[in-house]
């Protein structure tokens, strides 16, 4: 299949607004579970998911945590300016960013930009009873064009060097719930829009397949003999970017930053490089690892930045009928690729791989690592629906017709889908 010439209109379906879950269920593991098993569709309740999984498998979760990325400032004229954090700029490392005190900088989207012509914006607030002022200034000379839109370099300064930026966000930031919910963020979202295993701050959207899991379900998975592992992909606002081009060749995927620890590569090798992915973010990370390992065949000294996976790389590289990339006349096995990364970490004495991916997974793509997928129901004409279609070899309508006909709730706070193609 010529993936680049796919028409996004072929991935449309009617999603009535009343089928979009505006709020989650009171008990997150009581959501409905659609099961697609080799073409057969059935349903259950999510807390029974373990009963449908193979013993001895490896299940991979994305442990990213959503940050309160929206900050509002009121000018003296009354104009409301929204600064939306997109990507750390100074420092660029996410972990260091949230520990930073006194000053930092982010690449941001700015709402009502025309009202912020020049000069600083200020916001007064309190932390632990102490009054502070957050001041932001924009460096327009550092404006960048990203796939999600225009990002502006915004400097953040506050008048207490003992207060971290993480504390600043907790005090003044707002959790950015998805735009299609068409409602304001509520206090309850601070809990319900985070997975119970979220740890690493950095996302502006939740990996929503994980929202169904409770501590009890996780214990059930452990007791059943499934090994759990975690990786980190920080979800960007580009995840909501609609495909506006007629053919997907005209769509620019957003870049997302990933962290995968040494133990994950070791466990992948121990499980024959096969995994159950919880969420499309875990899918994009795991599948990107194969192409990173392929790069190391010809460039073993590549930097972590050079291991970045470009959008069309999986389709432009020569490959065999099994979807394995051909290098110097030989296919690179998944095991070889993963071992390459582990050797790379060993050689440079690294505990984790820090890189990024822009991968688009669409019909014509051959999955390398992910064998079972836990995911929610996605928007019409979205790249996530393309990913699901690729996973079920084009049979996505069977899943979505069943869900629409049997009262399933859709999108971030909706029901869940277990896919075993």
Protein backbone atom coordinates (compact mmCIF):
# COMPACT_ATOMS: atom_id res chain seq x y z
CA UNK A 1 0.00 0.00 0.00
CA UNK A 2 1.20 3.51 -0.82
CA UNK A 3 0.70 4.92 2.64
CA UNK A 4 1.41 8.53 1.73
CA UNK A 5 -1.50 8.59 -0.74
CA UNK A 6 -4.11 7.42 1.77
CA UNK A 7 -7.18 9.65 1.71
CA UNK A 8 -8.12 10.70 5.24
CA UNK A 9 -11.78 10.85 4.16
CA UNK A 10 -11.73 7.04 4.07
CA UNK A 11 -11.34 7.13 7.85
CA UNK A 12 -14.43 9.11 8.68
CA UNK A 13 -17.43 8.04 10.75
CA UNK A 14 -20.37 9.81 12.37
CA UNK A 15 -19.65 10.60 16.02
CA UNK A 16 -22.64 12.32 17.67
CA UNK A 17 -21.68 14.82 20.35
CA UNK A 18 -23.70 12.93 22.95
CA UNK A 19 -21.42 9.91 22.51
CA UNK A 20 -18.36 11.89 23.60
CA UNK A 21 -17.79 11.30 27.31
CA UNK A 22 -17.53 14.73 28.91
CA UNK A 23 -16.66 13.28 32.32
CA UNK A 24 -15.24 9.92 33.42
CA UNK A 25 -17.17 7.26 35.28
CA UNK A 26 -17.08 7.49 39.06
CA UNK A 27 -15.04 4.27 39.19
CA UNK A 28 -12.52 4.30 36.38
CA UNK A 29 -12.22 0.52 36.00
CA UNK A 30 -16.00 0.14 35.47
CA UNK A 31 -15.80 1.39 31.89
CA UNK A 32 -16.92 -0.91 29.11
CA UNK A 33 -14.30 -2.99 27.34
CA UNK A 34 -14.67 -3.89 23.67
CA UNK A 35 -12.63 -6.95 22.74
CA UNK A 36 -11.47 -7.48 19.16
CA UNK A 37 -9.97 -10.96 19.00
CA UNK A 38 -8.85 -12.09 15.53
CA UNK A 39 -11.84 -10.43 13.88
CA UNK A 40 -14.41 -11.43 16.50
CA UNK A 41 -15.98 -8.64 18.57
CA UNK A 42 -17.36 -8.99 22.10
CA UNK A 43 -17.55 -6.89 25.24
CA UNK A 44 -16.87 -7.00 28.97
CA UNK A 45 -16.16 -4.63 31.86
CA UNK A 46 -12.66 -3.21 32.06
CA UNK A 47 -11.88 -4.65 35.50
CA UNK A 48 -11.99 -8.09 33.83
CA UNK A 49 -9.30 -7.23 31.28
CA UNK A 50 -6.80 -9.65 32.80
CA UNK A 51 -9.04 -12.58 31.83
CA UNK A 52 -8.49 -11.72 28.16
CA UNK A 53 -4.70 -11.36 28.24
CA UNK A 54 -2.04 -14.05 27.68
CA UNK A 55 -0.08 -15.18 30.72
CA UNK A 56 3.62 -14.43 30.73
CA UNK A 57 3.31 -11.40 28.45
CA UNK A 58 5.03 -8.02 28.86
CA UNK A 59 2.67 -5.05 29.28
CA UNK A 60 4.11 -1.58 28.70
CA UNK A 61 2.65 1.63 30.14
CA UNK A 62 3.44 5.31 29.53
CA UNK A 63 4.15 6.87 32.93
CA UNK A 64 4.07 10.50 31.78
CA UNK A 65 2.17 12.97 33.95
CA UNK A 66 0.08 15.84 32.61
CA UNK A 67 1.29 19.26 33.68
CA UNK A 68 -0.87 22.30 34.35
CA UNK A 69 0.31 23.82 31.10
CA UNK A 70 -2.19 26.69 30.73
CA UNK A 71 -1.34 29.95 32.48
CA UNK A 72 -3.59 32.98 32.21
CA UNK A 73 -2.53 36.60 32.62
CA UNK A 74 -4.81 39.64 32.83
CA UNK A 75 -3.45 42.89 31.37
CA UNK A 76 -4.29 46.25 32.90
CA UNK A 77 -6.57 46.82 29.89
CA UNK A 78 -8.59 43.76 30.90
CA UNK A 79 -7.35 41.59 28.02
CA UNK A 80 -6.84 37.93 28.92
CA UNK A 81 -3.65 36.34 27.57
CA UNK A 82 -3.15 32.57 27.67
CA UNK A 83 0.37 31.13 27.67
CA UNK A 84 0.35 27.41 26.83
CA UNK A 85 3.56 25.52 27.64
CA UNK A 86 4.63 23.34 24.73
CA UNK A 87 8.29 22.41 25.11
CA UNK A 88 11.03 23.30 27.61
CA UNK A 89 13.61 25.67 26.12
CA UNK A 90 15.96 26.64 28.96
CA UNK A 91 16.74 24.14 30.34
CA UNK A 92 15.60 21.70 27.64
CA UNK A 93 15.54 18.67 29.93
CA UNK A 94 12.08 18.08 31.42
CA UNK A 95 13.30 16.84 34.79
CA UNK A 96 15.69 19.75 35.24
CA UNK A 97 13.01 22.19 34.10
CA UNK A 98 10.64 21.39 36.93
CA UNK A 99 13.45 21.66 39.48
CA UNK A 100 14.56 25.06 38.15
CA UNK A 101 14.27 28.05 40.49
CA UNK A 102 14.05 31.76 39.72
CA UNK A 103 14.10 31.61 35.94
CA UNK A 104 13.30 29.33 32.99
CA UNK A 105 12.07 29.54 29.41
CA UNK A 106 9.53 27.55 27.36
CA UNK A 107 8.40 27.42 23.78
CA UNK A 108 4.73 28.32 24.05
CA UNK A 109 1.57 28.86 22.11
CA UNK A 110 0.01 32.21 23.00
CA UNK A 111 -3.70 32.87 23.01
CA UNK A 112 -4.92 36.40 22.20
CA UNK A 113 -1.40 37.23 21.01
CA UNK A 114 -2.50 40.46 19.30
CA UNK A 115 -3.23 41.94 22.73
CA UNK A 116 0.30 41.19 23.94
CA UNK A 117 2.35 43.52 21.76
CA UNK A 118 5.33 44.09 24.02
CA UNK A 119 6.40 44.39 27.62
CA UNK A 120 6.07 41.89 30.46
CA UNK A 121 2.95 40.21 31.85
CA UNK A 122 2.63 39.68 35.57
CA UNK A 123 0.59 37.51 37.88
CA UNK A 124 0.53 37.64 41.67
CA UNK A 125 -0.08 34.48 43.69
CA UNK A 126 0.75 32.75 46.96
CA UNK A 127 2.72 29.63 47.83
CA UNK A 128 2.64 28.43 51.44
CA UNK A 129 1.30 31.81 52.50
CA UNK A 130 4.10 33.73 50.80
CA UNK A 131 3.19 36.31 48.14
CA UNK A 132 5.05 35.95 44.84
CA UNK A 133 4.96 37.53 41.39
CA UNK A 134 5.42 35.60 38.15
CA UNK A 135 6.70 37.74 35.28
CA UNK A 136 6.78 36.58 31.67
CA UNK A 137 8.45 38.20 28.67
CA UNK A 138 8.51 37.11 25.05
CA UNK A 139 11.59 36.90 22.83
CA UNK A 140 10.03 37.19 19.37
CA UNK A 141 13.40 36.69 17.68
CA UNK A 142 13.26 33.05 18.83
CA UNK A 143 9.86 32.26 17.36
CA UNK A 144 9.75 28.79 15.82
CA UNK A 145 7.35 27.01 13.51
CA UNK A 146 6.42 23.57 14.77
CA UNK A 147 4.07 21.02 13.23
CA UNK A 148 1.47 22.00 15.82
CA UNK A 149 1.72 25.72 15.00
CA UNK A 150 3.78 28.78 15.97
CA UNK A 151 5.73 28.54 19.22
CA UNK A 152 7.06 31.63 20.99
CA UNK A 153 10.04 31.76 23.32
CA UNK A 154 8.67 32.91 26.68
CA UNK A 155 10.87 33.71 29.69
CA UNK A 156 9.49 33.03 33.17
CA UNK A 157 10.90 34.84 36.19
CA UNK A 158 9.75 34.81 39.79
CA UNK A 159 11.03 36.61 42.84
CA UNK A 160 11.93 33.69 45.09
CA UNK A 161 14.87 31.50 44.08
CA UNK A 162 13.82 28.79 46.54
CA UNK A 163 10.53 28.07 44.74
CA UNK A 164 10.72 25.56 41.89
CA UNK A 165 8.92 25.87 38.57
CA UNK A 166 6.95 22.74 39.45
CA UNK A 167 5.52 24.64 42.44
CA UNK A 168 4.78 27.62 40.22
CA UNK A 169 2.69 25.48 37.87
CA UNK A 170 0.86 23.86 40.75
CA UNK A 171 -0.06 27.33 42.00
CA UNK A 172 -1.02 29.17 38.79
CA UNK A 173 -1.34 26.58 36.02
CA UNK A 174 -4.49 24.97 34.69
CA UNK A 175 -4.77 21.37 33.49
CA UNK A 176 -5.32 21.37 29.69
CA UNK A 177 -8.19 18.94 29.14
CA UNK A 178 -8.93 18.06 25.49
CA UNK A 179 -10.63 20.76 23.39
CA UNK A 180 -13.36 18.39 22.18
CA UNK A 181 -14.79 18.15 25.71
CA UNK A 182 -16.10 21.69 25.17
CA UNK A 183 -16.02 22.58 28.86
CA UNK A 184 -13.78 24.27 31.37
CA UNK A 185 -11.30 22.35 33.49
CA UNK A 186 -12.72 21.35 36.88
CA UNK A 187 -10.86 20.47 40.07
CA UNK A 188 -11.83 16.83 39.63
CA UNK A 189 -9.84 16.70 36.36
CA UNK A 190 -6.62 17.12 38.32
CA UNK A 191 -7.17 13.56 39.53
CA UNK A 192 -9.29 11.91 36.86
CA UNK A 193 -7.16 13.15 33.93
CA UNK A 194 -4.06 11.45 35.36
CA UNK A 195 -3.28 7.75 35.30
CA UNK A 196 -2.79 6.15 38.71
CA UNK A 197 0.79 5.30 37.71
CA UNK A 198 1.75 8.72 36.29
CA UNK A 199 5.15 9.87 37.53
CA UNK A 200 7.18 11.93 35.07
CA UNK A 201 5.87 15.46 34.46
CA UNK A 202 5.85 16.73 30.89
CA UNK A 203 2.65 15.97 28.93
CA UNK A 204 -0.04 18.43 27.93
CA UNK A 205 -2.47 15.55 27.28
CA UNK A 206 -3.00 12.30 29.12
CA UNK A 207 -2.23 8.86 27.66
CA UNK A 208 -5.93 8.14 28.05
CA UNK A 209 -5.97 4.35 27.60
CA UNK A 210 -4.27 4.25 30.97
CA UNK A 211 -7.07 6.15 32.70
CA UNK A 212 -9.06 2.91 33.11
CA UNK A 213 -6.46 1.20 35.28
CA UNK A 214 -6.81 1.10 39.07
CA UNK A 215 -4.42 -0.24 41.66
CA UNK A 216 -6.63 -3.34 41.92
CA UNK A 217 -6.45 -4.01 38.18
CA UNK A 218 -2.68 -3.55 38.26
CA UNK A 219 -2.43 -6.06 41.13
CA UNK A 220 -4.60 -8.48 39.15
CA UNK A 221 -2.21 -8.15 36.21
CA UNK A 222 0.74 -8.90 38.47
CA UNK A 223 -0.98 -11.88 40.08
CA UNK A 224 -1.88 -13.25 36.65
CA UNK A 225 1.78 -13.47 35.71
CA UNK A 226 2.02 -10.53 33.30
CA UNK A 227 5.15 -8.43 33.70
CA UNK A 228 4.64 -4.68 33.76
CA UNK A 229 7.11 -2.10 32.52
CA UNK A 230 7.03 1.65 31.96
CA UNK A 231 8.44 4.12 29.49
CA UNK A 232 7.89 7.84 29.04
CA UNK A 233 6.54 9.70 26.03
CA UNK A 234 5.52 13.29 26.73
CA UNK A 235 2.31 13.88 24.80
CA UNK A 236 2.24 17.20 22.93
CA UNK A 237 -0.69 19.35 21.88
CA UNK A 238 -0.12 18.12 18.34
CA UNK A 239 -1.90 14.91 19.31
CA UNK A 240 -5.16 16.84 18.77
CA UNK A 241 -4.06 18.32 15.45
CA UNK A 242 -6.59 17.25 12.78
CA UNK A 243 -5.51 15.93 9.41
CA UNK A 244 -6.54 18.77 7.08
CA UNK A 245 -4.87 17.57 3.91
CA UNK A 246 -6.78 15.31 1.53
CA UNK A 247 -3.93 12.80 1.48
CA UNK A 248 -1.93 12.08 4.62
CA UNK A 249 1.29 12.94 2.78
CA UNK A 250 0.37 16.58 3.47
CA UNK A 251 0.11 16.09 7.23
CA UNK A 252 3.08 16.97 9.44
CA UNK A 253 3.31 14.86 12.58
CA UNK A 254 4.40 16.52 15.80
CA UNK A 255 7.60 15.53 17.58
CA UNK A 256 7.33 13.82 20.95
CA UNK A 257 10.11 13.18 23.47
CA UNK A 258 10.71 9.72 24.87
CA UNK A 259 12.69 8.13 27.67
CA UNK A 260 13.20 4.36 27.75
CA UNK A 261 15.27 2.75 30.50
CA UNK A 262 17.76 -0.06 30.19
CA UNK A 263 15.48 -2.56 31.98
CA UNK A 264 12.82 -2.08 29.31
CA UNK A 265 15.18 -3.20 26.56
CA UNK A 266 16.27 -6.15 28.69
CA UNK A 267 12.68 -7.18 29.30
CA UNK A 268 11.79 -6.81 25.63
CA UNK A 269 14.61 -9.19 24.74
CA UNK A 270 13.42 -11.62 27.43
CA UNK A 271 9.92 -11.57 25.88
CA UNK A 272 11.07 -12.15 22.30
CA UNK A 273 10.63 -8.41 21.60
CA UNK A 274 6.84 -8.70 21.86
CA UNK A 275 4.67 -6.48 24.04
CA UNK A 276 1.17 -5.43 24.99
CA UNK A 277 1.02 -1.65 24.57
CA UNK A 278 -1.22 0.42 26.81
CA UNK A 279 -2.17 3.38 24.64
CA UNK A 280 -1.09 4.73 21.29
CA UNK A 281 1.71 6.71 22.95
CA UNK A 282 3.29 3.46 24.12
CA UNK A 283 2.82 2.11 20.59
CA UNK A 284 4.62 5.03 18.99
CA UNK A 285 7.49 4.72 21.44
CA UNK A 286 7.93 0.96 21.14
CA UNK A 287 7.69 0.92 17.36
CA UNK A 288 10.13 3.84 17.09
CA UNK A 289 12.73 1.84 19.02
CA UNK A 290 13.10 -0.57 16.12
CA UNK A 291 14.08 2.24 13.74
CA UNK A 292 16.47 3.74 16.30
CA UNK A 293 18.22 0.40 16.57
CA UNK A 294 18.40 0.18 12.77
CA UNK A 295 20.24 3.52 12.66
CA UNK A 296 22.88 2.09 14.98
CA UNK A 297 23.75 -0.61 12.43
CA UNK A 298 25.43 1.93 10.14
CA UNK A 299 26.06 4.68 12.69
CA UNK A 300 26.92 3.09 16.06
CA UNK A 301 28.22 6.42 17.37
CA UNK A 302 25.02 8.34 16.64
CA UNK A 303 23.95 10.92 19.21
CA UNK A 304 20.62 10.50 20.92
CA UNK A 305 19.35 13.43 18.82
CA UNK A 306 20.42 11.62 15.63
CA UNK A 307 18.34 8.61 16.67
CA UNK A 308 15.19 10.71 16.18
CA UNK A 309 12.66 8.86 14.00
CA UNK A 310 11.30 10.97 11.16
CA UNK A 311 7.67 10.79 10.08
CA UNK A 312 8.12 8.81 6.85
CA UNK A 313 11.24 6.86 7.76
CA UNK A 314 9.42 3.52 8.15
CA UNK A 315 8.02 3.83 4.62
CA UNK A 316 11.03 5.27 2.81
CA UNK A 317 13.57 2.69 3.98
CA UNK A 318 13.98 -0.52 1.94
CA UNK A 319 12.37 -3.49 3.67
CA UNK A 320 11.46 -7.13 3.05
CA UNK A 321 8.01 -8.75 2.98
CA UNK A 322 8.03 -9.03 6.77
CA UNK A 323 8.54 -5.29 7.13
CA UNK A 324 12.14 -5.58 8.33
CA UNK A 325 14.53 -2.90 7.12
CA UNK A 326 17.26 -4.04 4.73
CA UNK A 327 20.77 -2.78 5.54
CA UNK A 328 23.73 -3.86 3.40
CA UNK A 329 21.55 -6.50 1.77
CA UNK A 330 20.44 -8.09 5.06
CA UNK A 331 17.22 -7.61 7.07
CA UNK A 332 17.66 -6.17 10.56
CA UNK A 333 15.69 -8.33 12.99
CA UNK A 334 13.76 -6.75 15.85
CA UNK A 335 15.98 -8.57 18.34
CA UNK A 336 19.12 -7.22 16.66
CA UNK A 337 17.72 -3.69 16.71
CA UNK A 338 16.82 -3.78 20.40
CA UNK A 339 20.18 -5.36 21.26
CA UNK A 340 21.90 -2.54 19.34
CA UNK A 341 20.28 0.02 21.64
CA UNK A 342 21.19 -1.94 24.75
CA UNK A 343 24.80 -2.17 23.55
CA UNK A 344 24.71 1.57 22.85
CA UNK A 345 23.59 2.27 26.43
CA UNK A 346 26.27 -0.05 27.80
CA UNK A 347 29.03 1.53 25.73
CA UNK A 348 28.15 5.05 26.87
CA UNK A 349 27.26 3.95 30.41
CA UNK A 350 23.69 5.26 30.10
CA UNK A 351 20.77 4.10 32.20
CA UNK A 352 18.16 5.32 29.73
CA UNK A 353 17.72 6.36 26.12
CA UNK A 354 16.54 9.95 25.67
CA UNK A 355 15.41 10.71 22.14
CA UNK A 356 12.35 11.73 20.12
CA UNK A 357 9.97 10.46 17.47
CA UNK A 358 7.78 11.89 14.77
CA UNK A 359 6.58 8.50 13.53
CA UNK A 360 3.21 8.19 11.80
CA UNK A 361 1.68 4.72 11.85
CA UNK A 362 -0.88 4.14 9.13
CA UNK A 363 -2.12 1.34 6.87
CA UNK A 364 0.88 -0.11 5.07
CA UNK A 365 2.95 -0.12 8.26
CA UNK A 366 4.11 -3.48 9.64
CA UNK A 367 4.15 -3.65 13.43
CA UNK A 368 7.43 -4.89 14.86
CA UNK A 369 6.98 -5.08 18.64
CA UNK A 370 3.37 -4.38 19.63
CA UNK A 371 1.22 -7.51 19.42
CA UNK A 372 -1.77 -6.46 21.57
CA UNK A 373 -3.15 -2.95 22.00
CA UNK A 374 -5.20 -1.36 24.79
CA UNK A 375 -6.66 1.92 23.53
CA UNK A 376 -9.65 4.25 23.64
CA UNK A 377 -11.94 5.20 20.75
CA UNK A 378 -10.49 7.98 18.62
CA UNK A 379 -11.75 10.93 16.63
CA UNK A 380 -12.84 10.54 13.00
CA UNK A 381 -10.13 11.30 10.43
CA UNK A 382 -7.36 11.29 13.05
CA UNK A 383 -3.85 9.88 12.91
CA UNK A 384 -4.75 7.68 15.88
CA UNK A 385 -7.52 6.04 13.87
CA UNK A 386 -4.95 5.41 11.12
CA UNK A 387 -2.75 3.70 13.72
CA UNK A 388 -5.60 1.42 14.81
CA UNK A 389 -6.49 0.61 11.20
CA UNK A 390 -2.91 -0.45 10.54
CA UNK A 391 -3.03 -2.70 13.58
CA UNK A 392 -6.23 -4.52 12.51
CA UNK A 393 -5.30 -4.65 8.83
CA UNK A 394 -8.04 -2.22 7.82
CA UNK A 395 -10.86 -3.77 9.89
CA UNK A 396 -11.41 -0.72 12.11
CA UNK A 397 -15.02 -0.15 11.03
CA UNK A 398 -16.11 -3.46 12.54
CA UNK A 399 -14.84 -2.20 15.90
CA UNK A 400 -16.33 1.27 15.64
CA UNK A 401 -19.69 0.13 14.26
CA UNK A 402 -20.02 -2.24 17.21
CA UNK A 403 -19.07 0.47 19.70
CA UNK A 404 -21.53 2.96 18.21
CA UNK A 405 -24.29 0.36 18.16
CA UNK A 406 -23.76 -0.88 21.71
CA UNK A 407 -23.65 2.29 23.79
CA UNK A 408 -19.90 2.75 24.15
CA UNK A 409 -18.59 6.16 25.24
CA UNK A 410 -15.93 7.80 23.06
CA UNK A 411 -12.64 9.73 23.32
CA UNK A 412 -10.51 10.60 26.34
CA UNK A 413 -12.97 9.90 29.15
CA UNK A 414 -14.76 7.20 27.20
CA UNK A 415 -14.65 3.39 27.17
CA UNK A 416 -11.81 1.08 26.26
CA UNK A 417 -10.83 -1.23 23.44
CA UNK A 418 -8.64 -4.36 23.68
CA UNK A 419 -7.32 -5.29 20.23
CA UNK A 420 -5.78 -8.66 19.48
CA UNK A 421 -5.47 -8.86 15.66
